[in-house]
Amino acid sequence: MNREALIASLRSQCNGPRDGALLRYALGDALLDSGDAATAAEEFRHALRFDARYSAAWKLLGKACHALNDREGAAAAWRQGMAVAQARGDKQAEKEMAVFLRRLERAAES
């Protein structure tokens, strides 16, 4: 399935019985991959309204914000995501977001 068809298929399931954090995360991921960071960020936020403890959604929300040159938004998403990941024991996600945050902070210092 090509990217456009995947996005259309995922969108067709929104607001239906299968709507939820995972669907919105998958849609956001496909949109981010297609270069539509703004709409991807909206979908990650929607996913987080379904489940604020979804650390992967926080991680990709940070990436989407970073792609939009929203450094503050990216940092805030990664900090929140790290707290969520730590609370859930999701060490890998916590480490990844810590790396992204350090890179962002180093770039701001340069």
C-alpha atoms as a PDB file:
ATOM      1  CA  MET A   1       0.000   0.000   0.000  1.00  0.00           C
ATOM      2  CA  ASN A   2       1.437   3.380  -0.936  1.00  0.00           C
ATOM      3  CA  ARG A   3       1.676   6.192   1.573  1.00  0.00           C
ATOM      4  CA  GLU A   4      -1.311   8.138   0.257  1.00  0.00           C
ATOM      5  CA  ALA A   5      -3.519   5.042   0.336  1.00  0.00           C
ATOM      6  CA  LEU A   6      -2.355   4.240   3.860  1.00  0.00           C
ATOM      7  CA  ILE A   7      -3.160   7.763   5.052  1.00  0.00           C
ATOM      8  CA  ALA A   8      -6.587   7.626   3.374  1.00  0.00           C
ATOM      9  CA  SER A   9      -7.315   4.237   4.942  1.00  0.00           C
ATOM     10  CA  LEU A  10      -6.316   5.433   8.404  1.00  0.00           C
ATOM     11  CA  ARG A  11      -8.330   8.641   8.048  1.00  0.00           C
ATOM     12  CA  SER A  12     -11.403   6.652   7.035  1.00  0.00           C
ATOM     13  CA  GLN A  13     -11.278   4.881  10.408  1.00  0.00           C
ATOM     14  CA  CYS A  14     -11.124   8.075  12.476  1.00  0.00           C
ATOM     15  CA  ASN A  15     -14.217   8.932  14.506  1.00  0.00           C
ATOM     16  CA  GLY A  16     -15.432   5.347  14.159  1.00  0.00           C
ATOM     17  CA  PRO A  17     -15.442   2.370  16.500  1.00  0.00           C
ATOM     18  CA  ARG A  18     -11.718   1.731  15.946  1.00  0.00           C
ATOM     19  CA  ASP A  19     -10.675   5.307  16.719  1.00  0.00           C
ATOM     20  CA  GLY A  20      -8.157   5.566  19.511  1.00  0.00           C
ATOM     21  CA  ALA A  21      -4.591   6.323  20.460  1.00  0.00           C
ATOM     22  CA  LEU A  22      -3.058   3.633  18.260  1.00  0.00           C
ATOM     23  CA  LEU A  23      -4.995   4.696  15.150  1.00  0.00           C
ATOM     24  CA  ARG A  24      -4.134   8.366  15.663  1.00  0.00           C
ATOM     25  CA  TYR A  25      -0.504   7.474  16.329  1.00  0.00           C
ATOM     26  CA  ALA A  26      -0.335   5.417  13.122  1.00  0.00           C
ATOM     27  CA  LEU A  27      -1.928   8.251  11.148  1.00  0.00           C
ATOM     28  CA  GLY A  28       0.460  10.782  12.657  1.00  0.00           C
ATOM     29  CA  ASP A  29       3.421   8.535  11.865  1.00  0.00           C
ATOM     30  CA  ALA A  30       2.321   8.166   8.228  1.00  0.00           C
ATOM     31  CA  LEU A  31       1.760  11.917   7.930  1.00  0.00           C
ATOM     32  CA  LEU A  32       5.147  12.698   9.479  1.00  0.00           C
ATOM     33  CA  ASP A  33       6.777  10.236   7.095  1.00  0.00           C
ATOM     34  CA  SER A  34       5.050  11.981   4.179  1.00  0.00           C
ATOM     35  CA  GLY A  35       6.411  15.368   5.258  1.00  0.00           C
ATOM     36  CA  ASP A  36       3.201  16.805   6.721  1.00  0.00           C
ATOM     37  CA  ALA A  37       4.570  17.584  10.177  1.00  0.00           C
ATOM     38  CA  ALA A  38       1.810  20.054  11.077  1.00  0.00           C
ATOM     39  CA  THR A  39      -1.032  17.585  10.556  1.00  0.00           C
ATOM     40  CA  ALA A  40       1.073  14.823  12.115  1.00  0.00           C
ATOM     41  CA  ALA A  41       1.482  16.923  15.266  1.00  0.00           C
ATOM     42  CA  GLU A  42      -2.313  17.344  15.441  1.00  0.00           C
ATOM     43  CA  GLU A  43      -2.789  13.589  15.211  1.00  0.00           C
ATOM     44  CA  PHE A  44      -0.187  12.872  17.894  1.00  0.00           C
ATOM     45  CA  ARG A  45      -1.959  15.360  20.170  1.00  0.00           C
ATOM     46  CA  HIS A  46      -5.225  13.594  19.400  1.00  0.00           C
ATOM     47  CA  ALA A  47      -3.621  10.246  20.268  1.00  0.00           C
ATOM     48  CA  LEU A  48      -2.446  11.720  23.559  1.00  0.00           C
ATOM     49  CA  ARG A  49      -5.975  12.909  24.364  1.00  0.00           C
ATOM     50  CA  PHE A  50      -6.968   9.237  24.119  1.00  0.00           C
ATOM     51  CA  ASP A  51      -3.971   8.070  26.178  1.00  0.00           C
ATOM     52  CA  ALA A  52      -1.628  10.598  27.793  1.00  0.00           C
ATOM     53  CA  ARG A  53       0.632   7.701  28.857  1.00  0.00           C
ATOM     54  CA  TYR A  54       1.514   6.766  25.258  1.00  0.00           C
ATOM     55  CA  SER A  55       5.251   7.491  25.335  1.00  0.00           C
ATOM     56  CA  ALA A  56       5.773   6.753  21.630  1.00  0.00           C
ATOM     57  CA  ALA A  57       3.237   9.460  20.744  1.00  0.00           C
ATOM     58  CA  TRP A  58       5.126  11.960  22.913  1.00  0.00           C
ATOM     59  CA  LYS A  59       8.343  11.012  21.130  1.00  0.00           C
ATOM     60  CA  LEU A  60       6.927  11.553  17.651  1.00  0.00           C
ATOM     61  CA  LEU A  61       5.071  14.704  18.715  1.00  0.00           C
ATOM     62  CA  GLY A  62       8.489  16.061  19.649  1.00  0.00           C
ATOM     63  CA  LYS A  63       9.856  15.055  16.249  1.00  0.00           C
ATOM     64  CA  ALA A  64       6.923  16.711  14.475  1.00  0.00           C
ATOM     65  CA  CYS A  65       7.393  19.916  16.487  1.00  0.00           C
ATOM     66  CA  HIS A  66      11.115  19.835  15.716  1.00  0.00           C
ATOM     67  CA  ALA A  67      10.349  19.453  12.008  1.00  0.00           C
ATOM     68  CA  LEU A  68       8.182  22.582  12.312  1.00  0.00           C
ATOM     69  CA  ASN A  69      11.081  24.463  13.968  1.00  0.00           C
ATOM     70  CA  ASP A  70       9.072  24.603  17.194  1.00  0.00           C
ATOM     71  CA  ARG A  71      11.966  23.970  19.557  1.00  0.00           C
ATOM     72  CA  GLU A  72       9.980  24.785  22.678  1.00  0.00           C
ATOM     73  CA  GLY A  73       7.179  22.443  21.639  1.00  0.00           C
ATOM     74  CA  ALA A  74       9.648  19.668  20.839  1.00  0.00           C
ATOM     75  CA  ALA A  75      11.454  20.077  24.162  1.00  0.00           C
ATOM     76  CA  ALA A  76       8.174  20.123  26.092  1.00  0.00           C
ATOM     77  CA  ALA A  77       6.911  16.993  24.313  1.00  0.00           C
ATOM     78  CA  TRP A  78      10.146  15.116  24.949  1.00  0.00           C
ATOM     79  CA  ARG A  79      10.278  16.158  28.599  1.00  0.00           C
ATOM     80  CA  GLN A  80       6.701  15.023  29.139  1.00  0.00           C
ATOM     81  CA  GLY A  81       7.387  11.860  27.174  1.00  0.00           C
ATOM     82  CA  MET A  82      10.435  11.097  29.288  1.00  0.00           C
ATOM     83  CA  ALA A  83       8.374  11.473  32.465  1.00  0.00           C
ATOM     84  CA  VAL A  84       5.682   9.181  31.060  1.00  0.00           C
ATOM     85  CA  ALA A  85       8.237   6.632  29.867  1.00  0.00           C
ATOM     86  CA  GLN A  86       9.990   6.667  33.228  1.00  0.00           C
ATOM     87  CA  ALA A  87       6.700   6.140  35.074  1.00  0.00           C
ATOM     88  CA  ARG A  88       5.874   3.198  32.801  1.00  0.00           C
ATOM     89  CA  GLY A  89       9.346   1.685  32.940  1.00  0.00           C
ATOM     90  CA  ASP A  90       9.848   2.249  29.204  1.00  0.00           C
ATOM     91  CA  LYS A  91      13.620   2.725  29.410  1.00  0.00           C
ATOM     92  CA  GLN A  92      14.254   2.679  25.639  1.00  0.00           C
ATOM     93  CA  ALA A  93      11.777   5.464  24.874  1.00  0.00           C
ATOM     94  CA  GLU A  94      13.094   7.468  27.814  1.00  0.00           C
ATOM     95  CA  LYS A  95      16.676   7.152  26.535  1.00  0.00           C
ATOM     96  CA  GLU A  96      15.724   8.069  22.959  1.00  0.00           C
ATOM     97  CA  MET A  97      13.885  11.201  24.034  1.00  0.00           C
ATOM     98  CA  ALA A  98      16.760  12.184  26.332  1.00  0.00           C
ATOM     99  CA  VAL A  99      19.119  11.977  23.334  1.00  0.00           C
ATOM    100  CA  PHE A 100      16.762  14.070  21.168  1.00  0.00           C
ATOM    101  CA  LEU A 101      16.449  16.658  23.934  1.00  0.00           C
ATOM    102  CA  ARG A 102      20.225  16.883  24.449  1.00  0.00           C
ATOM    103  CA  ARG A 103      20.752  17.373  20.710  1.00  0.00           C
ATOM    104  CA  LEU A 104      18.107  20.089  20.644  1.00  0.00           C
ATOM    105  CA  GLU A 105      19.682  21.856  23.619  1.00  0.00           C
ATOM    106  CA  ARG A 106      23.177  21.625  22.097  1.00  0.00           C
ATOM    107  CA  ALA A 107      21.921  23.059  18.809  1.00  0.00           C
ATOM    108  CA  ALA A 108      20.323  25.966  20.695  1.00  0.00           C
ATOM    109  CA  GLU A 109      23.653  26.701  22.389  1.00  0.00           C
ATOM    110  CA  SER A 110      25.537  26.850  19.074  1.00  0.00           C
END
